N, C-alpha and C. Protein backbone atom coordinates (compact mmCIF):
# COMPACT_ATOMS: atom_id res chain seq x y z
N MET A 1 -5.31 -24.69 12.24
CA MET A 1 -3.43 -25.42 12.20
C MET A 1 -3.45 -26.42 13.02
N PRO A 2 -3.16 -27.24 12.77
CA PRO A 2 -2.32 -27.30 13.81
C PRO A 2 -1.29 -27.59 14.23
N ALA A 3 -0.78 -28.09 15.10
CA ALA A 3 0.99 -27.45 15.16
C ALA A 3 2.03 -28.58 14.50
N PRO A 4 2.77 -28.30 14.72
CA PRO A 4 4.48 -29.50 13.95
C PRO A 4 4.12 -30.13 15.26
N SER A 5 4.59 -31.51 14.68
CA SER A 5 4.55 -31.88 16.14
C SER A 5 6.02 -33.61 14.79
N GLY A 6 6.70 -34.18 15.69
CA GLY A 6 7.17 -34.79 15.16
C GLY A 6 8.40 -35.43 14.95
N PHE A 7 9.21 -34.02 15.04
CA PHE A 7 10.89 -33.47 15.06
C PHE A 7 11.08 -33.96 15.85
N THR A 8 12.10 -34.30 16.69
CA THR A 8 13.10 -34.58 16.64
C THR A 8 14.33 -34.08 16.56
N TYR A 9 15.67 -33.19 17.28
CA TYR A 9 16.76 -32.78 16.66
C TYR A 9 18.08 -33.86 18.05
N SER A 10 18.94 -33.93 17.21
CA SER A 10 20.00 -34.36 18.06
C SER A 10 20.91 -33.51 17.55
N SER A 11 21.95 -32.81 18.99
CA SER A 11 23.72 -32.38 18.72
C SER A 11 24.76 -33.49 18.72
N HIS A 12 25.47 -33.42 17.83
CA HIS A 12 26.70 -34.17 18.38
C HIS A 12 28.15 -33.24 18.19
N GLY A 13 29.01 -34.17 19.47
CA GLY A 13 30.51 -33.73 19.91
C GLY A 13 31.12 -33.22 18.68
N ASP A 14 30.30 -33.18 17.53
CA ASP A 14 31.39 -31.85 16.00
C ASP A 14 31.04 -30.51 15.44
N GLY A 15 30.09 -29.78 16.71
CA GLY A 15 29.36 -29.12 16.51
C GLY A 15 28.16 -28.99 16.03
N SER A 16 27.79 -30.55 15.19
CA SER A 16 27.01 -30.71 14.40
C SER A 16 25.15 -30.47 14.52
N VAL A 17 23.89 -30.28 14.19
CA VAL A 17 23.15 -30.65 15.01
C VAL A 17 22.27 -31.52 14.22
N VAL A 18 21.06 -32.40 13.76
CA VAL A 18 20.63 -33.64 12.95
C VAL A 18 18.72 -33.07 13.53
N ILE A 19 18.31 -32.68 12.54
CA ILE A 19 17.13 -32.52 12.54
C ILE A 19 16.01 -33.65 11.47
N THR A 20 15.82 -35.01 12.89
CA THR A 20 14.23 -35.27 12.27
C THR A 20 13.25 -35.25 11.94
N HIS A 21 12.38 -35.56 11.52
CA HIS A 21 11.23 -35.89 10.91
C HIS A 21 10.17 -37.16 10.68
N ARG A 22 9.79 -36.94 11.92
CA ARG A 22 9.12 -38.70 12.23
C ARG A 22 10.10 -39.75 12.11
N GLY A 23 11.13 -40.52 12.02
CA GLY A 23 12.54 -40.71 11.95
C GLY A 23 13.07 -40.27 10.65
N ARG A 24 12.69 -39.63 9.93
CA ARG A 24 13.76 -39.27 8.56
C ARG A 24 14.25 -38.05 9.04
N ARG A 25 15.70 -38.10 8.78
CA ARG A 25 16.42 -36.79 8.77
C ARG A 25 16.05 -35.39 7.86
N ALA A 26 15.88 -34.73 7.99
CA ALA A 26 15.63 -33.85 7.62
C ALA A 26 16.62 -31.99 7.43
N ALA A 27 16.99 -32.13 8.69
CA ALA A 27 18.94 -31.22 7.79
C ALA A 27 19.41 -31.32 8.55
N THR A 28 20.60 -31.34 8.09
CA THR A 28 22.10 -31.33 8.96
C THR A 28 22.29 -29.87 9.04
N LEU A 29 22.71 -29.19 10.05
CA LEU A 29 23.23 -28.48 10.48
C LEU A 29 24.58 -27.83 11.16
N ARG A 30 25.59 -27.03 10.78
CA ARG A 30 26.89 -27.36 10.87
C ARG A 30 27.18 -26.01 11.44
N GLY A 31 28.34 -25.88 11.93
CA GLY A 31 29.14 -24.57 12.67
C GLY A 31 27.89 -23.50 13.14
N ASP A 32 27.80 -22.02 12.61
CA ASP A 32 26.74 -21.01 12.95
C ASP A 32 25.46 -21.13 12.69
N ARG A 33 24.98 -22.18 11.74
CA ARG A 33 23.64 -22.46 11.84
C ARG A 33 23.12 -23.71 12.71
N ALA A 34 24.35 -24.20 13.23
CA ALA A 34 23.87 -24.96 14.23
C ALA A 34 23.62 -24.50 15.77
N ALA A 35 24.49 -23.19 15.70
CA ALA A 35 24.57 -22.98 17.05
C ALA A 35 23.25 -21.21 17.68
N ARG A 36 22.86 -20.91 16.52
CA ARG A 36 21.42 -20.29 16.26
C ARG A 36 20.66 -20.97 16.03
N PHE A 37 20.70 -22.47 15.41
CA PHE A 37 19.36 -22.91 15.47
C PHE A 37 19.45 -23.76 17.26
N LEU A 38 20.86 -23.77 17.68
CA LEU A 38 20.53 -24.01 19.23
C LEU A 38 20.48 -23.11 20.04
N ASP A 39 20.21 -21.44 20.01
CA ASP A 39 19.87 -20.58 20.35
C ASP A 39 19.17 -19.80 20.40
N GLU A 40 17.94 -20.46 19.50
CA GLU A 40 16.57 -20.71 18.88
C GLU A 40 15.75 -21.51 19.52
N VAL A 41 15.35 -23.20 19.63
CA VAL A 41 15.48 -23.78 19.68
C VAL A 41 15.35 -23.46 21.42
N GLY A 42 16.25 -23.12 22.20
CA GLY A 42 15.75 -22.71 23.40
C GLY A 42 15.02 -22.12 24.55
N SER A 43 14.94 -21.31 23.36
CA SER A 43 14.50 -19.96 23.81
C SER A 43 12.70 -20.57 23.23
N GLY A 44 12.41 -20.74 22.15
CA GLY A 44 10.63 -20.58 21.33
C GLY A 44 10.42 -22.40 21.46
N ASP A 45 9.24 -22.20 21.08
CA ASP A 45 8.33 -23.57 20.93
C ASP A 45 9.57 -24.45 19.97
N ALA A 46 9.69 -26.14 20.44
CA ALA A 46 10.78 -26.65 19.73
C ALA A 46 10.16 -26.79 18.36
N GLN A 47 9.18 -27.50 18.62
CA GLN A 47 8.39 -28.22 17.29
C GLN A 47 8.67 -27.29 16.56
N LEU A 48 7.95 -25.69 16.47
CA LEU A 48 7.28 -24.49 15.68
C LEU A 48 9.28 -24.16 14.98
N VAL A 49 9.62 -24.39 15.97
CA VAL A 49 11.52 -23.60 15.55
C VAL A 49 11.95 -24.89 14.49
N MET A 50 11.84 -26.27 14.71
CA MET A 50 12.38 -27.45 14.36
C MET A 50 11.57 -27.28 12.62
N ALA A 51 10.47 -27.00 12.62
CA ALA A 51 9.58 -27.12 11.13
C ALA A 51 10.13 -25.98 10.49
N ARG A 52 10.34 -25.16 10.97
CA ARG A 52 10.34 -23.16 10.10
C ARG A 52 12.30 -23.80 9.46
N TRP A 53 13.03 -24.28 10.07
CA TRP A 53 14.01 -24.34 10.04
C TRP A 53 14.92 -25.25 8.85
N THR A 54 13.37 -26.47 8.90
CA THR A 54 13.45 -26.84 7.78
C THR A 54 12.78 -26.59 7.10
N GLY A 55 12.00 -26.16 6.55
CA GLY A 55 10.92 -25.65 5.85
C GLY A 55 9.99 -27.13 5.48
N SER A 56 9.57 -27.87 6.11
CA SER A 56 8.72 -29.10 6.24
C SER A 56 6.95 -27.97 6.67
N TYR A 57 7.16 -27.40 6.53
CA TYR A 57 5.52 -27.21 7.65
C TYR A 57 4.98 -25.62 6.07
N LYS A 58 3.16 -26.41 6.84
CA LYS A 58 2.55 -25.63 6.01
C LYS A 58 1.96 -23.82 6.44
N PHE A 59 1.64 -23.60 5.66
CA PHE A 59 0.94 -22.53 6.25
C PHE A 59 0.06 -21.78 6.50
N GLY A 60 -0.90 -23.40 6.02
CA GLY A 60 -2.62 -22.59 6.30
C GLY A 60 -3.03 -22.23 5.55
N ASN A 61 -2.84 -21.52 4.36
CA ASN A 61 -3.84 -20.50 3.56
C ASN A 61 -3.24 -21.78 1.97
N GLU A 62 -3.32 -22.80 2.24
CA GLU A 62 -2.97 -23.27 0.55
C GLU A 62 -4.76 -23.05 -0.02
N ARG A 63 -5.08 -23.77 0.85
CA ARG A 63 -6.63 -24.21 -0.51
C ARG A 63 -7.13 -22.84 -0.58
N THR A 64 -7.21 -21.57 0.61
CA THR A 64 -8.21 -19.95 0.06
C THR A 64 -7.32 -19.89 -1.27
N ALA A 65 -5.69 -19.35 -1.52
CA ALA A 65 -5.02 -19.27 -2.25
C ALA A 65 -5.75 -19.86 -3.78
N ARG A 66 -5.50 -20.91 -3.71
CA ARG A 66 -6.11 -21.60 -5.07
C ARG A 66 -7.80 -20.94 -5.19
N ASP A 67 -8.81 -20.54 -4.28
CA ASP A 67 -9.42 -20.23 -4.86
C ASP A 67 -9.87 -18.77 -4.87
N HIS A 68 -8.45 -18.42 -5.13
CA HIS A 68 -8.24 -16.64 -4.92
C HIS A 68 -9.12 -16.25 -6.09
N PRO A 69 -8.46 -14.72 -6.98
CA PRO A 69 -9.89 -14.47 -8.23
C PRO A 69 -8.33 -14.70 -8.74
N ARG A 70 -7.26 -14.66 -8.10
CA ARG A 70 -6.29 -14.11 -9.83
C ARG A 70 -5.88 -15.58 -9.99
N ASN A 71 -6.33 -16.58 -8.91
CA ASN A 71 -5.14 -17.83 -9.45
C ASN A 71 -6.50 -18.79 -9.81
N ARG A 72 -7.50 -18.23 -10.24
CA ARG A 72 -8.34 -19.20 -10.84
C ARG A 72 -8.00 -19.11 -12.67
N GLY A 73 -7.79 -20.71 -13.09
CA GLY A 73 -7.22 -21.06 -14.20
C GLY A 73 -5.88 -21.85 -14.38
N ARG A 74 -5.31 -21.13 -12.57
CA ARG A 74 -4.40 -21.70 -12.46
C ARG A 74 -4.41 -23.86 -12.28
N GLY A 75 -3.15 -24.48 -12.80
CA GLY A 75 -3.50 -25.62 -11.62
C GLY A 75 -4.32 -26.20 -11.85
N ARG A 76 -5.04 -26.84 -11.40
CA ARG A 76 -5.93 -27.97 -11.67
C ARG A 76 -7.62 -27.38 -10.95
N ARG A 77 -7.92 -27.28 -12.01
CA ARG A 77 -9.55 -26.66 -12.57
C ARG A 77 -10.27 -27.59 -12.40
């Protein structure tokens, strides 16, 4: 699974944080959530943290789950 990429964030004077993905706004965090995000992004892999906070990432098991016996006959097939 490739690592997340293309995320950037900017912190504003009013305490808000804007996270963008490939130039498009993905999330805006304010207050306590913004502070927790800034703490976490400073202590870990910034790209992975931003992907997790925005929900813009995949787990890598989608194809495997689609082929699982309990999911056969659902969706595309």
